[in-house]
Amino acid sequence: MLTEVAKDNIESLVDPGESFKIVVTGYSMLPLLGYGRDTIVVRRTYSDEPIGGRIAMFRAKDRHIIVHRVIAVDGDNVTFQGDGNPYQREHCKRGDVVGVVDEVIREDGRTVSCITRRWRLRECVWLCQHTLVRRYALAILRRLANCKRKNRG
């Protein structure tokens, strides 16, 4: 079952194994996920489910919802980093992970699976770039996204 949920009570509304949709509202996952243009389909995970390398949703210490890539799992400790923010890392406990992103619904209505070889190749090509290349590419992408948002009104 796919439901639209409010960010403040996701865990109480959606059971593990079920999915929900939420609109992307930041730049930290550019270029794969874009501010306001993409809707993600998040599947609640079970506490023992492997999540390494996946894009996942978690609750930060201040209880805000964040969607970043899992870069390390060490026992109960999980480390995240945004694809569009190569300099900052966040940490949480495994119990604070809400779920993993299984699909992206693009602004034109196309649905893209995040577990296909094509998606994984796009991730790899972006993440293998030197951080300096990513930094300048991200600056351009953010400016373009801001211009596009302003033109929409």
Protein backbone atom coordinates (compact mmCIF):
# COMPACT_ATOMS: atom_id res chain seq x y z
CA MET A 1 0.00 0.00 0.00
CA LEU A 2 1.33 3.44 -0.93
CA THR A 3 0.26 6.36 1.23
CA GLU A 4 1.08 10.05 1.48
CA VAL A 5 2.12 10.91 5.03
CA ALA A 6 3.07 13.84 7.20
CA LYS A 7 6.74 13.92 8.19
CA ASP A 8 6.11 14.29 11.91
CA ASN A 9 4.47 10.89 12.44
CA ILE A 10 5.64 8.58 9.65
CA GLU A 11 6.72 5.82 11.99
CA SER A 12 3.28 5.54 13.62
CA LEU A 13 1.37 5.63 10.31
CA VAL A 14 3.37 3.25 8.14
CA ASP A 15 4.33 -0.30 9.14
CA PRO A 16 7.64 -1.93 8.14
CA GLY A 17 7.40 -3.34 4.62
CA GLU A 18 4.85 -0.72 3.52
CA SER A 19 5.67 2.26 1.30
CA PHE A 20 4.78 5.94 1.25
CA LYS A 21 5.49 8.95 -0.96
CA ILE A 22 7.07 12.25 -0.04
CA VAL A 23 8.28 15.22 -2.11
CA VAL A 24 12.01 16.03 -2.08
CA THR A 25 12.55 19.42 -0.43
CA GLY A 26 16.30 19.98 -0.45
CA TYR A 27 19.41 20.07 -2.59
CA SER A 28 21.57 17.63 -0.65
CA MET A 29 20.86 14.71 -2.99
CA LEU A 30 21.47 16.48 -6.30
CA PRO A 31 21.79 15.47 -9.06
CA LEU A 32 19.88 12.20 -8.60
CA LEU A 33 17.06 13.73 -6.53
CA GLY A 34 15.94 17.30 -7.14
CA TYR A 35 14.25 19.92 -4.97
CA GLY A 36 10.52 19.97 -5.64
CA ARG A 37 10.81 18.11 -8.93
CA ASP A 38 10.93 14.58 -7.56
CA THR A 39 8.73 12.51 -5.29
CA ILE A 40 10.36 9.55 -3.60
CA VAL A 41 8.75 6.26 -2.68
CA VAL A 42 10.15 5.17 0.67
CA ARG A 43 9.68 1.64 1.99
CA ARG A 44 9.79 1.25 5.76
CA THR A 45 12.58 -1.15 6.63
CA TYR A 46 12.86 -3.86 9.21
CA SER A 47 15.57 -3.35 11.82
CA ASP A 48 17.70 -6.24 10.49
CA GLU A 49 17.39 -5.36 6.79
CA PRO A 50 20.67 -4.47 5.01
CA ILE A 51 20.74 -0.79 3.98
CA GLY A 52 24.39 -0.13 3.06
CA GLY A 53 24.84 2.04 -0.03
CA ARG A 54 21.11 2.78 -0.32
CA ILE A 55 19.45 6.16 -0.21
CA ALA A 56 17.60 6.13 3.10
CA MET A 57 15.35 8.33 5.21
CA PHE A 58 16.27 8.82 8.86
CA ARG A 59 15.47 10.99 11.86
CA ALA A 60 18.28 13.32 12.86
CA LYS A 61 19.00 14.12 16.51
CA ASP A 62 16.72 17.17 16.26
CA ARG A 63 13.94 14.81 14.98
CA HIS A 64 13.96 16.32 11.46
CA ILE A 65 13.60 13.92 8.56
CA ILE A 66 16.64 13.68 6.27
CA VAL A 67 17.17 11.63 3.10
CA HIS A 68 20.82 10.78 2.37
CA ARG A 69 22.92 7.86 1.24
CA VAL A 70 24.08 5.27 3.77
CA ILE A 71 27.88 5.22 3.55
CA ALA A 72 28.60 2.99 6.56
CA VAL A 73 26.83 0.69 8.99
CA ASP A 74 28.79 -0.32 12.08
CA GLY A 75 26.62 -2.38 14.37
CA ASP A 76 23.84 -0.06 15.52
CA ASN A 77 25.55 3.10 14.17
CA VAL A 78 24.73 4.37 10.69
CA THR A 79 26.64 7.09 8.81
CA PHE A 80 25.02 9.11 6.01
CA GLN A 81 26.19 11.58 3.40
CA GLY A 82 24.23 13.55 0.84
CA ASP A 83 25.23 12.97 -2.79
CA GLY A 84 25.06 16.73 -3.26
CA ASN A 85 26.92 17.50 -0.04
CA PRO A 86 30.24 15.67 -0.17
CA TYR A 87 31.71 17.43 2.88
CA GLN A 88 29.18 16.75 5.64
CA ARG A 89 28.21 13.48 7.30
CA GLU A 90 25.35 12.65 9.65
CA HIS A 91 25.07 9.80 12.12
CA CYS A 92 22.15 8.03 13.74
CA LYS A 93 21.22 4.75 15.37
CA ARG A 94 19.71 1.97 13.23
CA GLY A 95 16.39 2.46 15.00
CA ASP A 96 16.22 6.04 13.65
CA VAL A 97 16.28 4.83 10.04
CA VAL A 98 12.74 5.17 8.70
CA GLY A 99 13.19 3.41 5.36
CA VAL A 100 14.95 3.17 2.01
CA VAL A 101 14.09 4.87 -1.26
CA ASP A 102 12.85 2.26 -3.72
CA GLU A 103 11.56 4.53 -6.49
CA VAL A 104 11.65 8.11 -7.72
CA ILE A 105 8.65 9.67 -9.43
CA ARG A 106 9.92 12.37 -11.77
CA GLU A 107 8.11 15.63 -12.40
CA ASP A 108 6.81 14.30 -15.75
CA GLY A 109 5.24 11.28 -14.00
CA ARG A 110 7.88 8.70 -14.95
CA THR A 111 8.74 6.21 -12.22
CA VAL A 112 12.39 5.21 -11.86
CA SER A 113 13.40 2.18 -9.79
CA CYS A 114 16.39 2.71 -7.50
CA ILE A 115 17.46 -0.92 -7.65
CA THR A 116 18.07 -1.27 -11.38
CA ARG A 117 21.51 -1.51 -12.96
CA ARG A 118 20.89 1.76 -14.80
CA TRP A 119 20.17 3.64 -11.55
CA ARG A 120 23.16 2.06 -9.79
CA LEU A 121 25.39 3.05 -12.74
CA ARG A 122 24.20 6.68 -12.51
CA GLU A 123 24.96 6.64 -8.77
CA CYS A 124 28.41 5.19 -9.38
CA VAL A 125 29.30 7.69 -12.13
CA TRP A 126 28.34 10.62 -9.90
CA LEU A 127 29.92 9.32 -6.70
CA CYS A 128 33.20 8.41 -8.46
CA GLN A 129 33.77 12.04 -9.47
CA HIS A 130 36.43 13.98 -7.60
CA THR A 131 34.89 16.19 -4.90
CA LEU A 132 36.14 19.32 -6.66
CA VAL A 133 34.30 18.34 -9.86
CA ARG A 134 31.18 17.55 -7.84
CA ARG A 135 31.42 20.86 -5.99
CA TYR A 136 31.37 22.98 -9.17
CA ALA A 137 28.77 20.81 -10.88
CA LEU A 138 26.54 21.12 -7.82
CA ALA A 139 26.88 24.90 -7.77
CA ILE A 140 25.63 25.04 -11.36
CA LEU A 141 22.82 22.56 -10.68
CA ARG A 142 21.62 24.52 -7.64
CA ARG A 143 21.54 27.76 -9.61
CA LEU A 144 19.59 26.11 -12.41
CA ALA A 145 17.13 24.60 -9.93
CA ASN A 146 16.62 27.98 -8.26
CA CYS A 147 15.98 29.69 -11.61
CA LYS A 148 13.51 27.01 -12.58
CA ARG A 149 11.66 27.33 -9.25
CA LYS A 150 11.45 31.13 -9.61
CA ASN A 151 10.08 30.84 -13.16
CA ARG A 152 7.32 28.50 -11.98
CA GLY A 153 6.05 31.27 -9.77
